[in-house]
Amino acid sequence: MESPMIFIVCSALLLLCTSTAYAQTAKSPSISPTPIPSPAPAPAPEYVNLTDLLTVAGPFQTFLTYLQSTKVIDTFQNQANNTQEGVTIFVPTDSAFSSLKKPSLSNLTQDQLKSLLLFHGLPHFYSLADFKNLSQLSPVPTFAGGQYTLNFTDVSGVAKISSGWSNTKVSSSVHSTDPVAIYQVDKVLLPEAIFGTDIPPTPAPAPSPDIAPAADTPSGTTSGGKASTTSSPSNSSYKMISWGIWSQLVLALSGVLVLFL
């Protein structure tokens, strides 16, 4: 009797252990939480090649040549691509350089020429709408630093610039997408720190052509070609001579008559 009972107890325990193990293995696997995707990084600002832009954008070859010869183009390019501030550049046209009579840029030293070119750039991106605020912040520092500052005024939405020696305005927008703003100006910005405070006077207007005076009218004729009625001294002289002769004849006859009587 004991053997069958032991067998039954052992079988029950074995069956119980087997079912518990099976239940653990058959349990559904745990589901891991879905990871939250990280936000996409902001797109990098568009790279602007200033050399290519100024080459094709307009008549800016003279300014570009100066930028390249002084390496100022590298300063502007680095500011555009490697800083958060961006850059604003005022670009004179070729005609603005050709119209320079005095002073001449050829008389500047290399350092002065470089400072003049840096004077045309601001170390910050400014849209056209920002110039109204710049007029309240004047004078505004430029890349040249120190006393090389610009003054801005807003006149009915038109941005005007004073450099101390020259006054001009923003005539058009060449490129205005953050981080690069390029604006066309019609005059070269001449800094007061180089050329002094004596602003050249405005050239006087050309004199009107001289009008030749009318030719003198001959004394004997009028402008209509008729003989002048004021007359000529020869007629009056002739009358006086004739009267004198007749007077002498009358006196001579009177003397003869007196002798015969």
C-alpha atoms as a PDB file:
ATOM      1  CA  MET A   1       0.000   0.000   0.000  1.00  0.00           C
ATOM      2  CA  GLU A   2       2.782   2.444   0.751  1.00  0.00           C
ATOM      3  CA  SER A   3       4.478   2.024  -2.600  1.00  0.00           C
ATOM      4  CA  PRO A   4       1.469   2.985  -4.725  1.00  0.00           C
ATOM      5  CA  MET A   5       0.803   5.944  -2.419  1.00  0.00           C
ATOM      6  CA  ILE A   6       4.382   7.165  -2.712  1.00  0.00           C
ATOM      7  CA  PHE A   7       4.161   6.769  -6.485  1.00  0.00           C
ATOM      8  CA  ILE A   8       0.985   8.803  -6.640  1.00  0.00           C
ATOM      9  CA  VAL A   9       2.436  11.605  -4.465  1.00  0.00           C
ATOM     10  CA  CYS A  10       5.612  11.758  -6.532  1.00  0.00           C
ATOM     11  CA  SER A  11       3.623  11.842  -9.787  1.00  0.00           C
ATOM     12  CA  ALA A  12       1.454  14.665  -8.460  1.00  0.00           C
ATOM     13  CA  LEU A  13       4.494  16.703  -7.389  1.00  0.00           C
ATOM     14  CA  LEU A  14       6.181  16.118 -10.750  1.00  0.00           C
ATOM     15  CA  LEU A  15       3.039  17.140 -12.629  1.00  0.00           C
ATOM     16  CA  LEU A  16       2.717  20.279 -10.514  1.00  0.00           C
ATOM     17  CA  CYS A  17       6.343  21.313 -11.106  1.00  0.00           C
ATOM     18  CA  THR A  18       6.048  20.675 -14.841  1.00  0.00           C
ATOM     19  CA  SER A  19       2.856  22.812 -15.154  1.00  0.00           C
ATOM     20  CA  THR A  20       4.450  25.693 -13.219  1.00  0.00           C
ATOM     21  CA  ALA A  21       7.536  25.665 -15.432  1.00  0.00           C
ATOM     22  CA  TYR A  22       5.430  25.508 -18.581  1.00  0.00           C
ATOM     23  CA  ALA A  23       3.292  28.400 -17.427  1.00  0.00           C
ATOM     24  CA  GLN A  24       6.396  30.529 -16.894  1.00  0.00           C
ATOM     25  CA  THR A  25       7.844  29.690 -20.306  1.00  0.00           C
ATOM     26  CA  ALA A  26       4.510  30.138 -22.075  1.00  0.00           C
ATOM     27  CA  LYS A  27       3.982  33.583 -20.582  1.00  0.00           C
ATOM     28  CA  SER A  28       3.872  36.275 -23.289  1.00  0.00           C
ATOM     29  CA  PRO A  29       7.074  38.281 -23.677  1.00  0.00           C
ATOM     30  CA  SER A  30       7.160  41.807 -22.244  1.00  0.00           C
ATOM     31  CA  ILE A  31       6.718  44.684 -24.771  1.00  0.00           C
ATOM     32  CA  SER A  32       9.342  47.421 -24.516  1.00  0.00           C
ATOM     33  CA  PRO A  33       8.065  51.038 -24.828  1.00  0.00           C
ATOM     34  CA  THR A  34       8.421  52.701 -28.233  1.00  0.00           C
ATOM     35  CA  PRO A  35      11.243  55.314 -28.153  1.00  0.00           C
ATOM     36  CA  ILE A  36      10.175  58.922 -28.807  1.00  0.00           C
ATOM     37  CA  PRO A  37      11.953  60.258 -31.918  1.00  0.00           C
ATOM     38  CA  SER A  38      14.236  63.249 -31.281  1.00  0.00           C
ATOM     39  CA  PRO A  39      13.361  66.458 -33.132  1.00  0.00           C
ATOM     40  CA  ALA A  40      15.075  66.988 -36.466  1.00  0.00           C
ATOM     41  CA  PRO A  41      17.965  69.476 -36.353  1.00  0.00           C
ATOM     42  CA  ALA A  42      17.326  72.910 -37.828  1.00  0.00           C
ATOM     43  CA  PRO A  43      18.464  73.175 -41.431  1.00  0.00           C
ATOM     44  CA  ALA A  44      21.849  74.778 -41.857  1.00  0.00           C
ATOM     45  CA  PRO A  45      21.786  78.268 -43.392  1.00  0.00           C
ATOM     46  CA  GLU A  46      22.346  78.384 -47.107  1.00  0.00           C
ATOM     47  CA  TYR A  47      25.982  78.858 -48.043  1.00  0.00           C
ATOM     48  CA  VAL A  48      26.510  81.997 -50.112  1.00  0.00           C
ATOM     49  CA  ASN A  49      29.679  82.385 -52.145  1.00  0.00           C
ATOM     50  CA  LEU A  50      30.228  86.142 -52.130  1.00  0.00           C
ATOM     51  CA  THR A  51      32.661  86.065 -55.055  1.00  0.00           C
ATOM     52  CA  ASP A  52      30.197  84.247 -57.306  1.00  0.00           C
ATOM     53  CA  LEU A  53      27.303  86.423 -56.171  1.00  0.00           C
ATOM     54  CA  LEU A  54      29.064  89.736 -56.812  1.00  0.00           C
ATOM     55  CA  THR A  55      30.348  88.469 -60.163  1.00  0.00           C
ATOM     56  CA  VAL A  56      26.892  87.761 -61.593  1.00  0.00           C
ATOM     57  CA  ALA A  57      24.655  90.092 -59.583  1.00  0.00           C
ATOM     58  CA  GLY A  58      25.544  93.444 -61.103  1.00  0.00           C
ATOM     59  CA  PRO A  59      28.197  95.968 -62.124  1.00  0.00           C
ATOM     60  CA  PHE A  60      30.359  95.389 -59.035  1.00  0.00           C
ATOM     61  CA  GLN A  61      33.620  94.236 -60.607  1.00  0.00           C
ATOM     62  CA  THR A  62      35.697  97.155 -59.318  1.00  0.00           C
ATOM     63  CA  PHE A  63      34.574  96.625 -55.731  1.00  0.00           C
ATOM     64  CA  LEU A  64      35.113  92.862 -56.018  1.00  0.00           C
ATOM     65  CA  THR A  65      38.635  93.391 -57.374  1.00  0.00           C
ATOM     66  CA  TYR A  66      39.497  95.589 -54.378  1.00  0.00           C
ATOM     67  CA  LEU A  67      37.993  93.006 -51.976  1.00  0.00           C
ATOM     68  CA  GLN A  68      40.112  90.232 -53.456  1.00  0.00           C
ATOM     69  CA  SER A  69      43.368  92.206 -53.606  1.00  0.00           C
ATOM     70  CA  THR A  70      43.095  93.207 -49.923  1.00  0.00           C
ATOM     71  CA  LYS A  71      41.725  89.804 -48.733  1.00  0.00           C
ATOM     72  CA  VAL A  72      38.709  91.594 -47.217  1.00  0.00           C
ATOM     73  CA  ILE A  73      36.508  89.139 -49.140  1.00  0.00           C
ATOM     74  CA  ASP A  74      37.760  86.411 -46.773  1.00  0.00           C
ATOM     75  CA  THR A  75      36.713  88.445 -43.720  1.00  0.00           C
ATOM     76  CA  PHE A  76      33.203  88.935 -45.071  1.00  0.00           C
ATOM     77  CA  GLN A  77      32.938  85.294 -46.187  1.00  0.00           C
ATOM     78  CA  ASN A  78      34.008  83.962 -42.781  1.00  0.00           C
ATOM     79  CA  GLN A  79      31.486  86.223 -41.036  1.00  0.00           C
ATOM     80  CA  ALA A  80      28.718  84.929 -43.293  1.00  0.00           C
ATOM     81  CA  ASN A  81      29.404  81.220 -42.875  1.00  0.00           C
ATOM     82  CA  ASN A  82      30.969  80.786 -39.446  1.00  0.00           C
ATOM     83  CA  THR A  83      29.048  83.119 -37.145  1.00  0.00           C
ATOM     84  CA  GLN A  84      25.488  83.474 -35.904  1.00  0.00           C
ATOM     85  CA  GLU A  85      25.429  87.231 -36.552  1.00  0.00           C
ATOM     86  CA  GLY A  86      25.686  87.189 -40.329  1.00  0.00           C
ATOM     87  CA  VAL A  87      26.911  90.084 -42.457  1.00  0.00           C
ATOM     88  CA  THR A  88      25.581  93.167 -44.263  1.00  0.00           C
ATOM     89  CA  ILE A  89      27.583  94.616 -47.163  1.00  0.00           C
ATOM     90  CA  PHE A  90      27.065  97.887 -49.054  1.00  0.00           C
ATOM     91  CA  VAL A  91      28.363  97.474 -52.603  1.00  0.00           C
ATOM     92  CA  PRO A  92      29.158 100.540 -54.765  1.00  0.00           C
ATOM     93  CA  THR A  93      28.635 100.191 -58.504  1.00  0.00           C
ATOM     94  CA  ASP A  94      31.459 100.451 -61.020  1.00  0.00           C
ATOM     95  CA  SER A  95      30.192 103.905 -62.033  1.00  0.00           C
ATOM     96  CA  ALA A  96      30.480 105.029 -58.395  1.00  0.00           C
ATOM     97  CA  PHE A  97      34.232 104.357 -58.536  1.00  0.00           C
ATOM     98  CA  SER A  98      34.703 105.890 -61.994  1.00  0.00           C
ATOM     99  CA  SER A  99      32.955 109.093 -60.878  1.00  0.00           C
ATOM    100  CA  LEU A 100      35.501 109.627 -58.078  1.00  0.00           C
ATOM    101  CA  LYS A 101      37.564 112.666 -59.008  1.00  0.00           C
ATOM    102  CA  LYS A 102      38.890 113.799 -55.667  1.00  0.00           C
ATOM    103  CA  PRO A 103      40.031 112.158 -53.495  1.00  0.00           C
ATOM    104  CA  SER A 104      41.652 109.392 -55.488  1.00  0.00           C
ATOM    105  CA  LEU A 105      41.882 105.909 -53.990  1.00  0.00           C
ATOM    106  CA  SER A 106      45.232 105.425 -55.702  1.00  0.00           C
ATOM    107  CA  ASN A 107      46.796 107.765 -53.131  1.00  0.00           C
ATOM    108  CA  LEU A 108      45.807 105.550 -50.175  1.00  0.00           C
ATOM    109  CA  THR A 109      48.159 103.168 -48.422  1.00  0.00           C
ATOM    110  CA  GLN A 110      47.318  99.468 -48.411  1.00  0.00           C
ATOM    111  CA  ASP A 111      46.104  99.678 -44.808  1.00  0.00           C
ATOM    112  CA  GLN A 112      43.897 102.682 -45.587  1.00  0.00           C
ATOM    113  CA  LEU A 113      42.411 100.940 -48.609  1.00  0.00           C
ATOM    114  CA  LYS A 114      41.670  97.855 -46.520  1.00  0.00           C
ATOM    115  CA  SER A 115      39.986  99.989 -43.847  1.00  0.00           C
ATOM    116  CA  LEU A 116      37.895 101.711 -46.531  1.00  0.00           C
ATOM    117  CA  LEU A 117      36.644  98.358 -47.820  1.00  0.00           C
ATOM    118  CA  LEU A 118      35.917  97.037 -44.314  1.00  0.00           C
ATOM    119  CA  PHE A 119      33.992 100.278 -43.831  1.00  0.00           C
ATOM    120  CA  HIS A 120      31.421  98.937 -46.326  1.00  0.00           C
ATOM    121  CA  GLY A 121      30.431  95.991 -44.102  1.00  0.00           C
ATOM    122  CA  LEU A 122      28.434  95.572 -40.881  1.00  0.00           C
ATOM    123  CA  PRO A 123      29.071  92.501 -38.654  1.00  0.00           C
ATOM    124  CA  HIS A 124      25.363  91.658 -38.481  1.00  0.00           C
ATOM    125  CA  PHE A 125      22.566  90.697 -40.860  1.00  0.00           C
ATOM    126  CA  TYR A 126      20.102  93.566 -41.400  1.00  0.00           C
ATOM    127  CA  SER A 127      16.998  93.288 -43.537  1.00  0.00           C
ATOM    128  CA  LEU A 128      15.500  96.345 -45.236  1.00  0.00           C
ATOM    129  CA  ALA A 129      12.955  96.612 -42.433  1.00  0.00           C
ATOM    130  CA  ASP A 130      15.779  96.870 -39.871  1.00  0.00           C
ATOM    131  CA  PHE A 131      17.116 100.158 -41.235  1.00  0.00           C
ATOM    132  CA  LYS A 132      14.388 102.109 -39.507  1.00  0.00           C
ATOM    133  CA  ASN A 133      15.763 100.888 -36.161  1.00  0.00           C
ATOM    134  CA  LEU A 134      19.343 101.557 -37.293  1.00  0.00           C
ATOM    135  CA  SER A 135      18.480 105.238 -37.724  1.00  0.00           C
ATOM    136  CA  GLN A 136      17.814 105.348 -33.982  1.00  0.00           C
ATOM    137  CA  LEU A 137      21.062 103.520 -33.149  1.00  0.00           C
ATOM    138  CA  SER A 138      23.395 105.703 -35.233  1.00  0.00           C
ATOM    139  CA  PRO A 139      26.331 105.837 -35.392  1.00  0.00           C
ATOM    140  CA  VAL A 140      26.640 102.119 -36.256  1.00  0.00           C
ATOM    141  CA  PRO A 141      30.077 100.403 -36.042  1.00  0.00           C
ATOM    142  CA  THR A 142      31.511  98.723 -39.129  1.00  0.00           C
ATOM    143  CA  PHE A 143      34.107  95.998 -39.681  1.00  0.00           C
ATOM    144  CA  ALA A 144      36.809  98.684 -39.746  1.00  0.00           C
ATOM    145  CA  GLY A 145      36.168  99.415 -36.045  1.00  0.00           C
ATOM    146  CA  GLY A 146      37.222 102.493 -34.103  1.00  0.00           C
ATOM    147  CA  GLN A 147      35.999 105.742 -35.626  1.00  0.00           C
ATOM    148  CA  TYR A 148      34.790 104.010 -38.781  1.00  0.00           C
ATOM    149  CA  THR A 149      31.059 104.347 -38.153  1.00  0.00           C
ATOM    150  CA  LEU A 150      28.044 104.978 -40.386  1.00  0.00           C
ATOM    151  CA  ASN A 151      24.952 107.075 -39.773  1.00  0.00           C
ATOM    152  CA  PHE A 152      21.576 105.903 -41.034  1.00  0.00           C
ATOM    153  CA  THR A 153      18.348 107.810 -41.581  1.00  0.00           C
ATOM    154  CA  ASP A 154      15.011 106.496 -42.785  1.00  0.00           C
ATOM    155  CA  VAL A 155      13.133 108.843 -45.132  1.00  0.00           C
ATOM    156  CA  SER A 156       9.736 107.464 -46.149  1.00  0.00           C
ATOM    157  CA  GLY A 157      11.095 103.923 -46.138  1.00  0.00           C
ATOM    158  CA  VAL A 158      14.303 104.785 -48.023  1.00  0.00           C
ATOM    159  CA  ALA A 159      17.512 104.047 -46.110  1.00  0.00           C
ATOM    160  CA  LYS A 160      20.059 106.860 -46.438  1.00  0.00           C
ATOM    161  CA  ILE A 161      23.689 106.510 -45.371  1.00  0.00           C
ATOM    162  CA  SER A 162      26.195 109.160 -44.324  1.00  0.00           C
ATOM    163  CA  SER A 163      29.885 108.284 -44.060  1.00  0.00           C
ATOM    164  CA  GLY A 164      31.157 111.718 -43.093  1.00  0.00           C
ATOM    165  CA  TRP A 165      32.545 112.420 -46.557  1.00  0.00           C
ATOM    166  CA  SER A 166      29.776 111.058 -48.764  1.00  0.00           C
ATOM    167  CA  ASN A 167      26.017 110.719 -48.589  1.00  0.00           C
ATOM    168  CA  THR A 168      24.139 108.049 -50.493  1.00  0.00           C
ATOM    169  CA  LYS A 169      21.164 105.719 -50.205  1.00  0.00           C
ATOM    170  CA  VAL A 170      20.339 102.041 -50.584  1.00  0.00           C
ATOM    171  CA  SER A 171      19.199 101.937 -54.204  1.00  0.00           C
ATOM    172  CA  SER A 172      18.386  98.213 -54.417  1.00  0.00           C
ATOM    173  CA  SER A 173      18.639  94.883 -52.610  1.00  0.00           C
ATOM    174  CA  VAL A 174      21.039  92.462 -54.285  1.00  0.00           C
ATOM    175  CA  HIS A 175      20.635  89.614 -51.768  1.00  0.00           C
ATOM    176  CA  SER A 176      18.782  89.629 -48.466  1.00  0.00           C
ATOM    177  CA  THR A 177      18.493  86.145 -46.977  1.00  0.00           C
ATOM    178  CA  ASP A 178      19.870  85.444 -43.519  1.00  0.00           C
ATOM    179  CA  PRO A 179      22.843  85.324 -42.910  1.00  0.00           C
ATOM    180  CA  VAL A 180      23.892  87.519 -45.892  1.00  0.00           C
ATOM    181  CA  ALA A 181      22.494  90.909 -46.895  1.00  0.00           C
ATOM    182  CA  ILE A 182      23.990  92.797 -49.837  1.00  0.00           C
ATOM    183  CA  TYR A 183      22.709  96.234 -50.855  1.00  0.00           C
ATOM    184  CA  GLN A 184      23.674  98.401 -53.814  1.00  0.00           C
ATOM    185  CA  VAL A 185      24.759 102.004 -53.206  1.00  0.00           C
ATOM    186  CA  ASP A 186      25.505 104.638 -55.843  1.00  0.00           C
ATOM    187  CA  LYS A 187      28.496 106.240 -54.114  1.00  0.00           C
ATOM    188  CA  VAL A 188      31.677 104.929 -52.521  1.00  0.00           C
ATOM    189  CA  LEU A 189      31.513 105.288 -48.731  1.00  0.00           C
ATOM    190  CA  LEU A 190      34.496 107.495 -47.893  1.00  0.00           C
ATOM    191  CA  PRO A 191      35.319 107.440 -44.169  1.00  0.00           C
ATOM    192  CA  GLU A 192      35.944 110.667 -42.317  1.00  0.00           C
ATOM    193  CA  ALA A 193      38.717 108.900 -40.372  1.00  0.00           C
ATOM    194  CA  ILE A 194      40.815 108.811 -43.573  1.00  0.00           C
ATOM    195  CA  PHE A 195      39.773 111.885 -45.528  1.00  0.00           C
ATOM    196  CA  GLY A 196      39.175 114.329 -42.667  1.00  0.00           C
ATOM    197  CA  THR A 197      36.179 116.511 -41.976  1.00  0.00           C
ATOM    198  CA  ASP A 198      36.319 118.834 -44.986  1.00  0.00           C
ATOM    199  CA  ILE A 199      33.540 117.560 -47.204  1.00  0.00           C
ATOM    200  CA  PRO A 200      34.311 118.531 -50.806  1.00  0.00           C
ATOM    201  CA  PRO A 201      32.012 121.298 -52.057  1.00  0.00           C
ATOM    202  CA  THR A 202      29.328 120.578 -54.588  1.00  0.00           C
ATOM    203  CA  PRO A 203      30.654 121.491 -58.037  1.00  0.00           C
ATOM    204  CA  ALA A 204      29.326 124.770 -59.375  1.00  0.00           C
ATOM    205  CA  PRO A 205      26.908 124.575 -62.333  1.00  0.00           C
ATOM    206  CA  ALA A 206      28.401 125.071 -65.768  1.00  0.00           C
ATOM    207  CA  PRO A 207      28.302 128.719 -66.890  1.00  0.00           C
ATOM    208  CA  SER A 208      25.771 129.627 -69.551  1.00  0.00           C
ATOM    209  CA  PRO A 209      27.267 130.365 -72.994  1.00  0.00           C
ATOM    210  CA  ASP A 210      28.147 134.001 -73.621  1.00  0.00           C
ATOM    211  CA  ILE A 211      25.822 135.851 -76.017  1.00  0.00           C
ATOM    212  CA  ALA A 212      27.678 138.094 -78.444  1.00  0.00           C
ATOM    213  CA  PRO A 213      26.540 141.717 -78.249  1.00  0.00           C
ATOM    214  CA  ALA A 214      24.683 143.176 -81.221  1.00  0.00           C
ATOM    215  CA  ALA A 215      26.840 145.020 -83.739  1.00  0.00           C
ATOM    216  CA  ASP A 216      26.862 148.776 -83.502  1.00  0.00           C
ATOM    217  CA  THR A 217      24.496 150.487 -85.923  1.00  0.00           C
ATOM    218  CA  PRO A 218      26.266 152.840 -88.313  1.00  0.00           C
ATOM    219  CA  SER A 219      25.678 156.472 -87.444  1.00  0.00           C
ATOM    220  CA  GLY A 220      24.301 157.363 -90.832  1.00  0.00           C
ATOM    221  CA  THR A 221      21.640 154.632 -91.040  1.00  0.00           C
ATOM    222  CA  THR A 222      18.966 153.181 -88.765  1.00  0.00           C
ATOM    223  CA  SER A 223      18.352 149.500 -88.096  1.00  0.00           C
ATOM    224  CA  GLY A 224      15.891 149.491 -90.990  1.00  0.00           C
ATOM    225  CA  GLY A 225      18.517 150.665 -93.436  1.00  0.00           C
ATOM    226  CA  LYS A 226      17.041 154.165 -93.846  1.00  0.00           C
ATOM    227  CA  ALA A 227      19.028 157.317 -93.485  1.00  0.00           C
ATOM    228  CA  SER A 228      19.027 158.709 -90.019  1.00  0.00           C
ATOM    229  CA  THR A 229      17.079 161.908 -89.576  1.00  0.00           C
ATOM    230  CA  THR A 230      19.341 163.244 -86.914  1.00  0.00           C
ATOM    231  CA  SER A 231      21.559 164.454 -89.072  1.00  0.00           C
ATOM    232  CA  SER A 232      24.761 164.672 -90.189  1.00  0.00           C
ATOM    233  CA  PRO A 233      27.227 167.389 -89.245  1.00  0.00           C
ATOM    234  CA  SER A 234      28.195 167.829 -92.912  1.00  0.00           C
ATOM    235  CA  ASN A 235      24.767 169.330 -93.856  1.00  0.00           C
ATOM    236  CA  SER A 236      24.817 171.954 -91.094  1.00  0.00           C
ATOM    237  CA  SER A 237      28.407 172.914 -91.927  1.00  0.00           C
ATOM    238  CA  TYR A 238      27.468 173.365 -95.587  1.00  0.00           C
ATOM    239  CA  LYS A 239      24.613 175.719 -94.657  1.00  0.00           C
ATOM    240  CA  MET A 240      26.907 177.840 -92.452  1.00  0.00           C
ATOM    241  CA  ILE A 241      29.520 178.183 -95.207  1.00  0.00           C
ATOM    242  CA  SER A 242      26.877 179.193 -97.768  1.00  0.00           C
ATOM    243  CA  TRP A 243      25.451 181.832 -95.450  1.00  0.00           C
ATOM    244  CA  GLY A 244      28.895 183.309 -94.822  1.00  0.00           C
ATOM    245  CA  ILE A 245      29.606 183.647 -98.550  1.00  0.00           C
ATOM    246  CA  TRP A 246      26.313 185.424 -99.214  1.00  0.00           C
ATOM    247  CA  SER A 247      26.949 187.795 -96.327  1.00  0.00           C
ATOM    248  CA  GLN A 248      30.313 188.782 -97.748  1.00  0.00           C
ATOM    249  CA  LEU A 249      28.816 189.397-101.226  1.00  0.00           C
ATOM    250  CA  VAL A 250      26.129 191.648 -99.792  1.00  0.00           C
ATOM    251  CA  LEU A 251      28.707 193.698 -97.905  1.00  0.00           C
ATOM    252  CA  ALA A 252      30.874 194.035-101.022  1.00  0.00           C
ATOM    253  CA  LEU A 253      27.948 195.317-103.135  1.00  0.00           C
ATOM    254  CA  SER A 254      27.007 197.795-100.446  1.00  0.00           C
ATOM    255  CA  GLY A 255      30.553 199.186-100.442  1.00  0.00           C
ATOM    256  CA  VAL A 256      30.518 199.665-104.249  1.00  0.00           C
ATOM    257  CA  LEU A 257      27.220 201.523-104.148  1.00  0.00           C
ATOM    258  CA  VAL A 258      28.566 203.826-101.434  1.00  0.00           C
ATOM    259  CA  LEU A 259      31.555 204.762-103.652  1.00  0.00           C
ATOM    260  CA  PHE A 260      29.420 205.687-106.651  1.00  0.00           C
ATOM    261  CA  LEU A 261      27.010 207.680-104.626  1.00  0.00           C
END
